[in-house]
Amino acid sequence: CISMNTSFIMNMLEAFEPPFDMSQCVDGDCHDCAEHMHGHSHADTINNSELLVQHCCPEEGANTRETENKKDEEVHMVGCSQPAACNLGISQGEDKSCNDGKDASAAANCQDTDCFASSTDENVTPGHRRAPSLPLDVPPVDVDKVRCIIRNIVRDWAQEGQIERDECYKPILEELNRLFPDRSRPPSCLVPGAGLGRLALEISSLGFVSQGNEFSYYMMICSSFILNHTQEANEWTIYPWIHNNCNSLSDKDQLRAVSFPDIHPSSAGITEGFSMCAGDFVEVYNEESQESAWDAVVTCFFLDTAHNIVEYIEIISKILKDGGIWVNMGPLLYHFADAYGPDDDMSIELSLEDVKRVAYHYGFVMEVRGLCTIN
């Protein structure tokens, strides 16, 4: 089971082409490239989540220019700021801010990028190579993040996660469908904290020019592989629960295999212009070029990842067009609430009432408010 997981991980790493030179990290400290990296993951359960559908009403004189859509036939990933055209399945755009170490985090696994071994076994296909027997010096914290990615694959891309996806994503998709009934000219939608990209893809399939934004390099590597290198549905098999002994009724539960993705991304009817953008939400979208650029912003389990939630709301209000829509789903379980470190680890924790006041201050008008409990 572990060898199957390792085989998938090595295939994923082998297929990934970093958007900037990571060779400097092979013998050095990769964490110097990721000074702003703060790992985060979605909660396993959602309690009293709130769905907010809000209109953004900027001050008079705000720009209402429209985003330019890139004409790519397939899914592509872009750099932290500037998308680049691609002819293959993925585009790795060069980004100066990444090279300066100010935006996207470098993968802590980058010391492994030169350690891929080709299989000599004739029974192993080139696309499904066995894991190398090389001893890899991987810090425990990075191993834990990889395990988290494996669990998130089940949630976003396996049939076993369909119920949870329906509870989280379906209300969002229904609101977008209601608020944008005419999509003959596809509206643009930004999905910060896109994780492994399933929600962004579902929004694209709904008829939006969708862009997912993700800060975690681990998530970006995996989403890139699933979106761009999947040949068919259920192509890969992993054992997501083999690394944990908790909450199992029997050994069979722990040894259960999961096939993914449950759909073939390239055959999902995505809208032209779908992309993924790597980088910190504040640094990437707090730019003049992003002002009044989006028809909709969807935040799903994202607001509480902020050090400063007020800053998040301010940026969302700036990047939305006049009359734009903000749809939010998720709790306020502030990720840095228990951090007592340097100033960089500050955490501003507002109640829901205060979040609403801040939203009103930046021109939002509450349209729909819904509370739901997810088992």
Protein backbone atom coordinates (compact mmCIF):
# COMPACT_ATOMS: atom_id res chain seq x y z
CA CYS A 1 0.00 0.00 0.00
CA ILE A 2 2.77 2.42 0.92
CA SER A 3 4.64 1.57 -2.26
CA MET A 4 1.53 2.45 -4.29
CA ASN A 5 1.31 5.82 -2.57
CA THR A 6 5.01 6.42 -3.12
CA SER A 7 4.74 5.45 -6.77
CA PHE A 8 2.00 8.03 -7.31
CA ILE A 9 3.97 10.72 -5.49
CA MET A 10 7.09 10.07 -7.55
CA ASN A 11 5.11 10.12 -10.80
CA MET A 12 3.57 13.39 -9.72
CA LEU A 13 6.92 14.97 -8.90
CA GLU A 14 8.45 13.69 -12.11
CA ALA A 15 5.71 15.32 -14.18
CA PHE A 16 5.95 18.67 -12.43
CA GLU A 17 7.94 21.48 -14.02
CA PRO A 18 8.59 24.24 -11.47
CA PRO A 19 7.93 27.79 -12.66
CA PHE A 20 11.35 28.86 -11.42
CA ASP A 21 14.78 27.31 -10.96
CA MET A 22 14.77 25.07 -7.92
CA SER A 23 18.15 23.43 -8.50
CA GLN A 24 19.68 25.80 -5.96
CA CYS A 25 17.70 23.98 -3.28
CA VAL A 26 19.16 20.53 -3.94
CA ASP A 27 22.01 20.96 -1.50
CA GLY A 28 20.78 24.06 0.27
CA ASP A 29 17.93 25.13 2.45
CA CYS A 30 14.74 25.28 0.43
CA HIS A 31 12.95 27.12 3.16
CA ASP A 32 14.87 30.27 2.24
CA CYS A 33 12.73 30.31 -0.90
CA ALA A 34 9.56 30.14 1.15
CA GLU A 35 9.91 32.70 3.90
CA HIS A 36 6.21 33.49 3.80
CA MET A 37 4.94 29.92 3.62
CA HIS A 38 2.31 28.99 6.18
CA GLY A 39 0.75 25.59 5.50
CA HIS A 40 -3.00 25.26 5.87
CA SER A 41 -5.61 22.64 5.26
CA HIS A 42 -9.38 22.53 5.30
CA ALA A 43 -11.14 21.21 8.36
CA ASP A 44 -12.43 17.65 8.11
CA THR A 45 -15.91 18.68 9.21
CA ILE A 46 -17.89 21.87 8.75
CA ASN A 47 -20.12 23.09 11.52
CA ASN A 48 -22.54 25.99 11.26
CA SER A 49 -20.99 27.08 7.99
CA GLU A 50 -22.35 30.22 6.42
CA LEU A 51 -23.07 30.97 2.81
CA LEU A 52 -22.82 34.64 1.99
CA VAL A 53 -23.73 36.07 -1.38
CA GLN A 54 -22.80 39.70 -1.52
CA HIS A 55 -22.69 42.49 -4.07
CA CYS A 56 -19.61 44.64 -4.29
CA CYS A 57 -20.44 48.32 -4.72
CA PRO A 58 -17.20 50.27 -5.17
CA GLU A 59 -17.15 54.04 -4.97
CA GLU A 60 -18.08 56.02 -8.03
CA GLY A 61 -15.36 56.23 -10.61
CA ALA A 62 -14.09 52.71 -10.06
CA ASN A 63 -12.73 51.04 -13.13
CA THR A 64 -14.95 48.46 -14.79
CA ARG A 65 -12.51 47.05 -17.26
CA GLU A 66 -12.81 43.40 -18.10
CA THR A 67 -10.21 40.70 -17.81
CA GLU A 68 -8.58 39.41 -20.96
CA ASN A 69 -9.13 35.72 -21.52
CA LYS A 70 -6.24 33.55 -22.62
CA LYS A 71 -7.17 31.21 -25.45
CA ASP A 72 -5.79 27.92 -24.26
CA GLU A 73 -7.41 24.67 -25.30
CA GLU A 74 -6.39 22.83 -22.16
CA VAL A 75 -6.06 23.48 -18.47
CA HIS A 76 -2.97 25.48 -17.58
CA MET A 77 -1.21 26.79 -14.52
CA VAL A 78 0.28 30.25 -14.44
CA GLY A 79 2.91 31.91 -12.33
CA CYS A 80 2.21 34.17 -9.39
CA SER A 81 1.07 37.13 -11.43
CA GLN A 82 1.32 36.81 -15.18
CA PRO A 83 -0.32 33.91 -17.03
CA ALA A 84 1.62 32.58 -19.99
CA ALA A 85 0.19 30.94 -23.07
CA CYS A 86 0.81 27.25 -23.52
CA ASN A 87 0.46 24.62 -26.19
CA LEU A 88 0.81 21.66 -23.87
CA GLY A 89 -1.16 20.72 -20.82
CA ILE A 90 0.51 23.15 -18.47
CA SER A 91 2.14 26.54 -18.63
CA GLN A 92 4.73 27.56 -16.13
CA GLY A 93 4.97 31.31 -16.44
CA GLU A 94 8.08 33.03 -15.13
CA ASP A 95 7.29 35.39 -12.31
CA LYS A 96 9.70 37.97 -10.95
CA SER A 97 8.06 38.14 -7.57
CA CYS A 98 8.54 34.40 -7.14
CA ASN A 99 12.18 34.67 -8.06
CA ASP A 100 12.54 37.40 -5.49
CA GLY A 101 11.12 35.10 -2.85
CA LYS A 102 8.16 37.37 -2.14
CA ASP A 103 5.18 35.39 -3.33
CA ALA A 104 5.01 31.68 -3.89
CA SER A 105 6.66 29.17 -1.64
CA ALA A 106 9.22 26.76 -3.00
CA ALA A 107 8.52 23.09 -2.47
CA ALA A 108 10.26 21.63 0.53
CA ASN A 109 10.57 18.46 -1.51
CA CYS A 110 12.72 20.20 -4.10
CA GLN A 111 15.84 18.36 -2.99
CA ASP A 112 14.16 15.30 -4.49
CA THR A 113 13.63 16.73 -7.96
CA ASP A 114 16.85 15.29 -9.28
CA CYS A 115 16.29 11.88 -7.71
CA PHE A 116 13.81 10.29 -10.06
CA ALA A 117 14.70 6.74 -11.03
CA SER A 118 13.48 4.99 -14.14
CA SER A 119 12.18 1.49 -13.72
CA THR A 120 13.96 -1.36 -15.44
CA ASP A 121 11.04 -3.70 -14.92
CA GLU A 122 9.42 -4.42 -18.27
CA ASN A 123 6.07 -4.94 -16.55
CA VAL A 124 5.99 -1.37 -15.26
CA THR A 125 4.66 1.18 -17.71
CA PRO A 126 6.58 4.44 -18.13
CA GLY A 127 3.68 6.44 -16.69
CA HIS A 128 3.43 4.27 -13.57
CA ARG A 129 6.98 3.72 -12.41
CA ARG A 130 7.91 2.09 -9.18
CA ALA A 131 9.16 4.21 -6.37
CA PRO A 132 12.96 4.50 -6.20
CA SER A 133 14.81 2.76 -3.40
CA LEU A 134 16.95 5.82 -2.79
CA PRO A 135 17.12 7.00 0.82
CA LEU A 136 15.47 10.42 0.85
CA ASP A 137 16.19 12.83 3.67
CA VAL A 138 12.73 14.37 4.03
CA PRO A 139 11.85 16.35 7.18
CA PRO A 140 8.89 14.95 9.15
CA VAL A 141 6.93 18.19 8.68
CA ASP A 142 7.09 17.70 4.91
CA VAL A 143 6.04 14.07 5.20
CA ASP A 144 3.01 15.21 7.16
CA LYS A 145 2.10 17.70 4.43
CA VAL A 146 2.28 14.98 1.80
CA ARG A 147 -0.04 12.81 3.88
CA CYS A 148 -2.41 15.76 4.10
CA ILE A 149 -2.35 16.08 0.31
CA ILE A 150 -3.25 12.39 -0.04
CA ARG A 151 -6.26 12.87 2.23
CA ASN A 152 -7.32 15.97 0.30
CA ILE A 153 -7.22 13.98 -2.94
CA VAL A 154 -10.02 11.81 -1.57
CA ARG A 155 -12.06 14.87 -0.64
CA ASP A 156 -11.69 16.70 -3.96
CA TRP A 157 -11.12 14.05 -6.61
CA ALA A 158 -12.49 10.67 -5.49
CA GLN A 159 -16.01 9.27 -5.54
CA GLU A 160 -15.69 8.76 -1.78
CA GLY A 161 -15.61 12.54 -1.33
CA GLN A 162 -18.74 13.25 -3.39
CA ILE A 163 -21.06 13.74 -0.40
CA GLU A 164 -18.73 16.23 1.24
CA ARG A 165 -18.20 18.06 -2.06
CA ASP A 166 -21.94 18.31 -2.55
CA GLU A 167 -22.35 19.81 0.91
CA CYS A 168 -19.63 22.40 0.35
CA TYR A 169 -19.54 23.12 -3.36
CA LYS A 170 -23.12 22.55 -4.48
CA PRO A 171 -24.60 25.59 -2.63
CA ILE A 172 -21.90 27.78 -4.16
CA LEU A 173 -22.49 26.47 -7.67
CA GLU A 174 -26.24 26.91 -7.29
CA GLU A 175 -25.81 30.55 -6.24
CA LEU A 176 -23.48 31.29 -9.14
CA ASN A 177 -25.93 29.66 -11.52
CA ARG A 178 -28.77 31.77 -10.09
CA LEU A 179 -26.88 35.06 -10.04
CA PHE A 180 -25.40 34.67 -13.53
CA PRO A 181 -28.23 33.16 -15.60
CA ASP A 182 -26.81 34.45 -18.89
CA ARG A 183 -23.32 33.08 -19.45
CA SER A 184 -23.22 33.41 -23.23
CA ARG A 185 -20.34 35.75 -22.55
CA PRO A 186 -18.56 33.87 -19.75
CA PRO A 187 -18.19 35.91 -16.56
CA SER A 188 -14.89 35.76 -14.69
CA CYS A 189 -14.60 34.11 -11.28
CA LEU A 190 -11.65 33.98 -8.89
CA VAL A 191 -11.31 31.16 -6.35
CA PRO A 192 -8.71 32.02 -3.67
CA GLY A 193 -7.52 29.08 -1.60
CA ALA A 194 -8.38 26.71 -4.43
CA GLY A 195 -6.55 23.74 -2.92
CA LEU A 196 -6.45 20.89 -5.42
CA GLY A 197 -8.58 22.82 -7.90
CA ARG A 198 -11.85 20.87 -7.96
CA LEU A 199 -14.12 23.81 -7.08
CA ALA A 200 -12.38 26.05 -9.61
CA LEU A 201 -12.87 23.35 -12.26
CA GLU A 202 -16.56 22.91 -11.36
CA ILE A 203 -17.08 26.67 -11.69
CA SER A 204 -15.34 26.60 -15.06
CA SER A 205 -17.59 23.75 -16.18
CA LEU A 206 -20.55 25.91 -15.17
CA GLY A 207 -19.57 28.46 -17.82
CA PHE A 208 -17.23 30.85 -16.01
CA VAL A 209 -13.70 31.93 -16.86
CA SER A 210 -12.38 30.55 -13.61
CA GLN A 211 -9.00 31.03 -11.97
CA GLY A 212 -7.93 29.19 -8.84
CA ASN A 213 -5.34 30.75 -6.56
CA GLU A 214 -3.34 28.63 -4.15
CA PHE A 215 -0.43 29.47 -1.85
CA SER A 216 0.66 25.95 -0.90
CA TYR A 217 3.26 24.60 -3.30
CA TYR A 218 2.31 21.07 -2.27
CA MET A 219 -1.26 21.67 -3.38
CA MET A 220 -0.12 23.25 -6.65
CA ILE A 221 2.11 20.31 -7.57
CA CYS A 222 -0.73 17.85 -7.00
CA SER A 223 -3.43 19.91 -8.72
CA SER A 224 -1.13 20.45 -11.69
CA PHE A 225 -0.64 16.71 -12.03
CA ILE A 226 -4.34 15.85 -11.76
CA LEU A 227 -5.52 18.62 -14.08
CA ASN A 228 -2.86 18.30 -16.75
CA HIS A 229 -1.55 14.75 -16.73
CA THR A 230 -4.65 12.63 -16.18
CA GLN A 231 -5.41 10.43 -19.18
CA GLU A 232 -8.67 8.91 -17.94
CA ALA A 233 -11.00 8.77 -14.97
CA ASN A 234 -9.86 6.64 -12.01
CA GLU A 235 -6.40 6.35 -13.49
CA TRP A 236 -4.61 6.35 -10.15
CA THR A 237 -5.02 4.33 -6.97
CA ILE A 238 -3.82 5.31 -3.51
CA TYR A 239 -4.30 4.13 0.06
CA PRO A 240 -5.08 7.38 1.90
CA TRP A 241 -5.71 5.88 5.35
CA ILE A 242 -2.71 3.55 5.55
CA HIS A 243 -0.64 6.21 7.33
CA ASN A 244 -3.07 6.68 10.22
CA ASN A 245 -4.42 4.23 12.79
CA CYS A 246 -7.16 6.50 14.14
CA ASN A 247 -10.93 6.09 13.85
CA SER A 248 -10.96 2.79 11.95
CA LEU A 249 -13.63 0.17 12.55
CA SER A 250 -11.41 -2.58 11.18
CA ASP A 251 -8.12 -3.20 9.42
CA LYS A 252 -10.01 -3.37 6.14
CA ASP A 253 -10.96 0.28 6.52
CA GLN A 254 -7.35 1.30 6.92
CA LEU A 255 -6.31 -0.78 3.91
CA ARG A 256 -9.07 0.47 1.62
CA ALA A 257 -7.93 1.66 -1.80
CA VAL A 258 -9.27 4.79 -3.48
CA SER A 259 -9.20 5.44 -7.22
CA PHE A 260 -9.12 8.95 -8.62
CA PRO A 261 -9.90 11.27 -10.27
CA ASP A 262 -13.58 10.42 -10.48
CA ILE A 263 -13.81 12.54 -13.65
CA HIS A 264 -11.41 13.22 -16.49
CA PRO A 265 -10.61 16.95 -16.06
CA SER A 266 -10.01 17.61 -19.75
CA SER A 267 -13.41 16.10 -20.58
CA ALA A 268 -15.32 18.02 -17.91
CA GLY A 269 -16.53 20.74 -20.27
CA ILE A 270 -14.31 23.48 -18.88
CA THR A 271 -14.66 27.02 -20.17
CA GLU A 272 -11.83 28.51 -22.19
CA GLY A 273 -9.47 30.47 -19.96
CA PHE A 274 -9.47 28.19 -16.90
CA SER A 275 -6.20 28.58 -14.99
CA MET A 276 -4.46 28.11 -11.66
CA CYS A 277 -2.29 30.83 -10.14
CA ALA A 278 0.38 30.14 -7.52
CA GLY A 279 1.08 32.75 -4.89
CA ASP A 280 -0.07 34.55 -1.79
CA PHE A 281 -3.55 36.02 -2.30
CA VAL A 282 -2.65 39.40 -0.79
CA GLU A 283 0.55 39.85 -2.77
CA VAL A 284 -0.79 38.58 -6.08
CA TYR A 285 -4.16 40.32 -6.18
CA ASN A 286 -3.37 43.52 -4.30
CA GLU A 287 -2.11 44.97 -7.57
CA GLU A 288 -3.48 47.80 -9.67
CA SER A 289 -3.89 45.44 -12.63
CA GLN A 290 -6.37 43.36 -10.61
CA GLU A 291 -8.69 46.21 -9.63
CA SER A 292 -12.25 45.74 -10.88
CA ALA A 293 -11.13 42.68 -12.83
CA TRP A 294 -13.52 39.97 -11.61
CA ASP A 295 -17.26 39.41 -11.90
CA ALA A 296 -17.28 37.04 -8.94
CA VAL A 297 -15.04 35.88 -6.11
CA VAL A 298 -15.71 32.57 -4.37
CA THR A 299 -14.10 31.85 -1.00
CA CYS A 300 -14.62 28.36 0.38
CA PHE A 301 -12.90 27.65 3.71
CA PHE A 302 -10.56 30.53 2.97
CA LEU A 303 -11.36 33.60 5.08
CA ASP A 304 -10.03 32.11 8.30
CA THR A 305 -6.63 31.40 6.72
CA ALA A 306 -5.87 35.13 6.93
CA HIS A 307 -3.50 36.78 9.36
CA ASN A 308 -5.61 39.88 8.78
CA ILE A 309 -9.16 39.11 7.63
CA VAL A 310 -9.85 42.82 7.12
CA GLU A 311 -7.13 42.89 4.48
CA TYR A 312 -8.72 39.93 2.69
CA ILE A 313 -12.11 41.66 2.57
CA GLU A 314 -10.56 44.91 1.37
CA ILE A 315 -8.78 43.17 -1.51
CA ILE A 316 -11.92 41.24 -2.48
CA SER A 317 -13.82 44.53 -2.67
CA LYS A 318 -11.09 46.07 -4.84
CA ILE A 319 -10.83 43.27 -7.38
CA LEU A 320 -14.58 42.88 -7.92
CA LYS A 321 -16.27 44.86 -10.66
CA ASP A 322 -19.05 47.28 -9.78
CA GLY A 323 -22.00 45.05 -8.93
CA GLY A 324 -19.76 41.99 -8.62
CA ILE A 325 -20.60 39.01 -6.44
CA TRP A 326 -18.75 37.56 -3.46
CA VAL A 327 -19.86 34.08 -2.37
CA ASN A 328 -18.39 32.78 0.88
CA MET A 329 -18.69 29.37 2.55
CA GLY A 330 -16.87 28.35 5.69
CA PRO A 331 -16.32 28.89 9.41
CA LEU A 332 -14.15 31.39 11.27
CA LEU A 333 -11.67 28.91 12.75
CA TYR A 334 -8.75 31.31 12.44
CA HIS A 335 -5.67 29.29 11.55
CA PHE A 336 -3.21 31.54 13.35
CA ALA A 337 -5.29 32.12 16.47
CA ASP A 338 -2.91 30.11 18.65
CA ALA A 339 0.29 31.50 17.13
CA TYR A 340 2.43 33.37 19.63
CA GLY A 341 5.48 34.01 17.49
CA PRO A 342 6.88 36.98 15.59
CA ASP A 343 4.77 39.80 14.17
CA ASP A 344 4.44 37.86 10.91
CA ASP A 345 2.29 35.36 12.83
CA MET A 346 -0.23 37.93 14.02
CA SER A 347 -3.88 36.97 13.87
CA ILE A 348 -6.87 39.31 13.75
CA GLU A 349 -9.90 37.30 14.85
CA LEU A 350 -13.28 38.92 14.27
CA SER A 351 -16.70 37.62 15.15
CA LEU A 352 -19.21 37.07 12.37
CA GLU A 353 -20.97 40.31 13.32
CA ASP A 354 -17.70 42.23 12.99
CA VAL A 355 -16.92 40.55 9.68
CA LYS A 356 -20.27 41.79 8.39
CA ARG A 357 -19.51 45.31 9.60
CA VAL A 358 -16.19 45.28 7.78
CA ALA A 359 -17.88 43.98 4.63
CA TYR A 360 -20.49 46.76 4.80
CA HIS A 361 -17.69 49.29 5.26
CA TYR A 362 -16.12 48.18 1.98
CA GLY A 363 -19.38 48.49 0.06
CA PHE A 364 -20.83 44.99 0.27
CA VAL A 365 -24.56 44.46 0.57
CA MET A 366 -25.82 41.22 2.12
CA GLU A 367 -28.18 39.45 -0.25
CA VAL A 368 -28.49 35.89 1.05
CA ARG A 369 -27.54 34.50 4.42
CA GLY A 370 -27.73 30.78 5.02
CA LEU A 371 -26.59 28.62 7.89
CA CYS A 372 -26.08 24.90 7.49
CA THR A 373 -24.73 22.06 9.57
CA ILE A 374 -22.71 19.39 7.81
CA ASN A 375 -22.38 15.98 9.42
